[in-house]
Amino acid sequence: MVVVATASDGYKAVFSWSELFNSPVGEGVLVFFEKDGMPLADDEGRIALISAKDLRTGPRHVKWLQGIEVRKIAD
């Protein structure tokens, strides 16, 4: 199983089910609509998602979050 977060421009960030529910990475994945008590800036959209505990450069950050889908990739 994978979880796919999609932005309105088609950008996608993918997380494995195990990564979200069985590792510290999952604790840092946040869907948010405000920052410091204020609505998100115009360049981030109304809703966004970030993976705050990614260890490598380029953490997964989905601005203008449009959808979250759980997909089964193997039987």
C-alpha atoms as a PDB file:
ATOM      1  CA  MET A   1       0.000   0.000   0.000  1.00  0.00           C
ATOM      2  CA  VAL A   2       1.126   3.535  -0.737  1.00  0.00           C
ATOM      3  CA  VAL A   3      -0.302   6.930   0.109  1.00  0.00           C
ATOM      4  CA  VAL A   4      -0.137   9.499  -2.680  1.00  0.00           C
ATOM      5  CA  ALA A   5      -0.547  13.218  -1.937  1.00  0.00           C
ATOM      6  CA  THR A   6      -1.351  15.226  -5.071  1.00  0.00           C
ATOM      7  CA  ALA A   7      -1.125  18.984  -5.667  1.00  0.00           C
ATOM      8  CA  SER A   8      -3.415  20.919  -7.995  1.00  0.00           C
ATOM      9  CA  ASP A   9      -0.572  21.192 -10.549  1.00  0.00           C
ATOM     10  CA  GLY A  10      -0.116  17.397 -10.661  1.00  0.00           C
ATOM     11  CA  TYR A  11       2.936  17.201  -8.365  1.00  0.00           C
ATOM     12  CA  LYS A  12       2.823  14.033  -6.249  1.00  0.00           C
ATOM     13  CA  ALA A  13       4.557  12.885  -3.078  1.00  0.00           C
ATOM     14  CA  VAL A  14       4.434   9.164  -2.305  1.00  0.00           C
ATOM     15  CA  PHE A  15       4.730   7.464   1.089  1.00  0.00           C
ATOM     16  CA  SER A  16       4.734   3.741   1.772  1.00  0.00           C
ATOM     17  CA  TRP A  17       2.167   2.516   4.281  1.00  0.00           C
ATOM     18  CA  SER A  18       4.941   1.112   6.461  1.00  0.00           C
ATOM     19  CA  GLU A  19       6.858   4.382   6.390  1.00  0.00           C
ATOM     20  CA  LEU A  20       3.808   6.294   7.643  1.00  0.00           C
ATOM     21  CA  PHE A  21       2.646   3.853  10.296  1.00  0.00           C
ATOM     22  CA  ASN A  22       5.814   2.021  11.385  1.00  0.00           C
ATOM     23  CA  SER A  23       8.583   4.610  11.343  1.00  0.00           C
ATOM     24  CA  PRO A  24       9.353   8.054  12.787  1.00  0.00           C
ATOM     25  CA  VAL A  25       8.728   9.596   9.345  1.00  0.00           C
ATOM     26  CA  GLY A  26       4.986   9.119   9.825  1.00  0.00           C
ATOM     27  CA  GLU A  27       4.993  11.238  12.982  1.00  0.00           C
ATOM     28  CA  GLY A  28       6.269  14.185  10.951  1.00  0.00           C
ATOM     29  CA  VAL A  29       3.794  14.086   8.056  1.00  0.00           C
ATOM     30  CA  LEU A  30       1.419  16.976   8.566  1.00  0.00           C
ATOM     31  CA  VAL A  31      -1.498  18.361   6.602  1.00  0.00           C
ATOM     32  CA  PHE A  32      -1.908  22.016   7.489  1.00  0.00           C
ATOM     33  CA  PHE A  33      -4.002  25.025   6.548  1.00  0.00           C
ATOM     34  CA  GLU A  34      -2.369  27.738   8.643  1.00  0.00           C
ATOM     35  CA  LYS A  35       1.076  28.714   9.847  1.00  0.00           C
ATOM     36  CA  ASP A  36       1.700  30.703  13.034  1.00  0.00           C
ATOM     37  CA  GLY A  37      -2.066  31.194  13.402  1.00  0.00           C
ATOM     38  CA  MET A  38      -2.420  32.771   9.955  1.00  0.00           C
ATOM     39  CA  PRO A  39      -3.789  31.289   6.709  1.00  0.00           C
ATOM     40  CA  LEU A  40      -1.133  29.906   4.375  1.00  0.00           C
ATOM     41  CA  ALA A  41       0.509  32.314   1.951  1.00  0.00           C
ATOM     42  CA  ASP A  42      -0.795  32.462  -1.615  1.00  0.00           C
ATOM     43  CA  ASP A  43       2.186  30.440  -2.884  1.00  0.00           C
ATOM     44  CA  GLU A  44       1.311  27.472  -0.615  1.00  0.00           C
ATOM     45  CA  GLY A  45      -2.418  27.204  -1.306  1.00  0.00           C
ATOM     46  CA  ARG A  46      -5.276  26.764   1.120  1.00  0.00           C
ATOM     47  CA  ILE A  47      -4.051  23.329   2.293  1.00  0.00           C
ATOM     48  CA  ALA A  48      -0.538  21.830   2.183  1.00  0.00           C
ATOM     49  CA  LEU A  49       1.325  18.723   3.327  1.00  0.00           C
ATOM     50  CA  ILE A  50       4.900  18.395   4.561  1.00  0.00           C
ATOM     51  CA  SER A  51       7.070  15.517   5.695  1.00  0.00           C
ATOM     52  CA  ALA A  52       9.085  17.191   8.445  1.00  0.00           C
ATOM     53  CA  LYS A  53      11.166  14.133   9.355  1.00  0.00           C
ATOM     54  CA  ASP A  54      12.636  13.257   5.957  1.00  0.00           C
ATOM     55  CA  LEU A  55      16.397  12.883   6.463  1.00  0.00           C
ATOM     56  CA  ARG A  56      17.661  13.589   2.948  1.00  0.00           C
ATOM     57  CA  THR A  57      17.577  16.893   1.125  1.00  0.00           C
ATOM     58  CA  GLY A  58      14.336  17.784  -0.606  1.00  0.00           C
ATOM     59  CA  PRO A  59      11.711  16.806   1.979  1.00  0.00           C
ATOM     60  CA  ARG A  60       8.321  15.960   0.539  1.00  0.00           C
ATOM     61  CA  HIS A  61       6.248  19.138   0.550  1.00  0.00           C
ATOM     62  CA  VAL A  62       2.975  19.371  -1.379  1.00  0.00           C
ATOM     63  CA  LYS A  63       1.666  22.892  -1.822  1.00  0.00           C
ATOM     64  CA  TRP A  64      -1.906  23.376  -3.055  1.00  0.00           C
ATOM     65  CA  LEU A  65      -2.847  19.914  -1.756  1.00  0.00           C
ATOM     66  CA  GLN A  66      -5.751  18.603  -3.808  1.00  0.00           C
ATOM     67  CA  GLY A  67      -6.065  15.000  -2.719  1.00  0.00           C
ATOM     68  CA  ILE A  68      -4.735  12.095  -0.695  1.00  0.00           C
ATOM     69  CA  GLU A  69      -5.195   8.606  -2.071  1.00  0.00           C
ATOM     70  CA  VAL A  70      -4.404   5.191  -0.609  1.00  0.00           C
ATOM     71  CA  ARG A  71      -3.443   2.735  -3.367  1.00  0.00           C
ATOM     72  CA  LYS A  72      -2.893  -0.989  -3.247  1.00  0.00           C
ATOM     73  CA  ILE A  73       0.116  -1.715  -5.466  1.00  0.00           C
ATOM     74  CA  ALA A  74       0.412  -5.488  -5.027  1.00  0.00           C
ATOM     75  CA  ASP A  75      -1.939  -8.408  -4.408  1.00  0.00           C
END
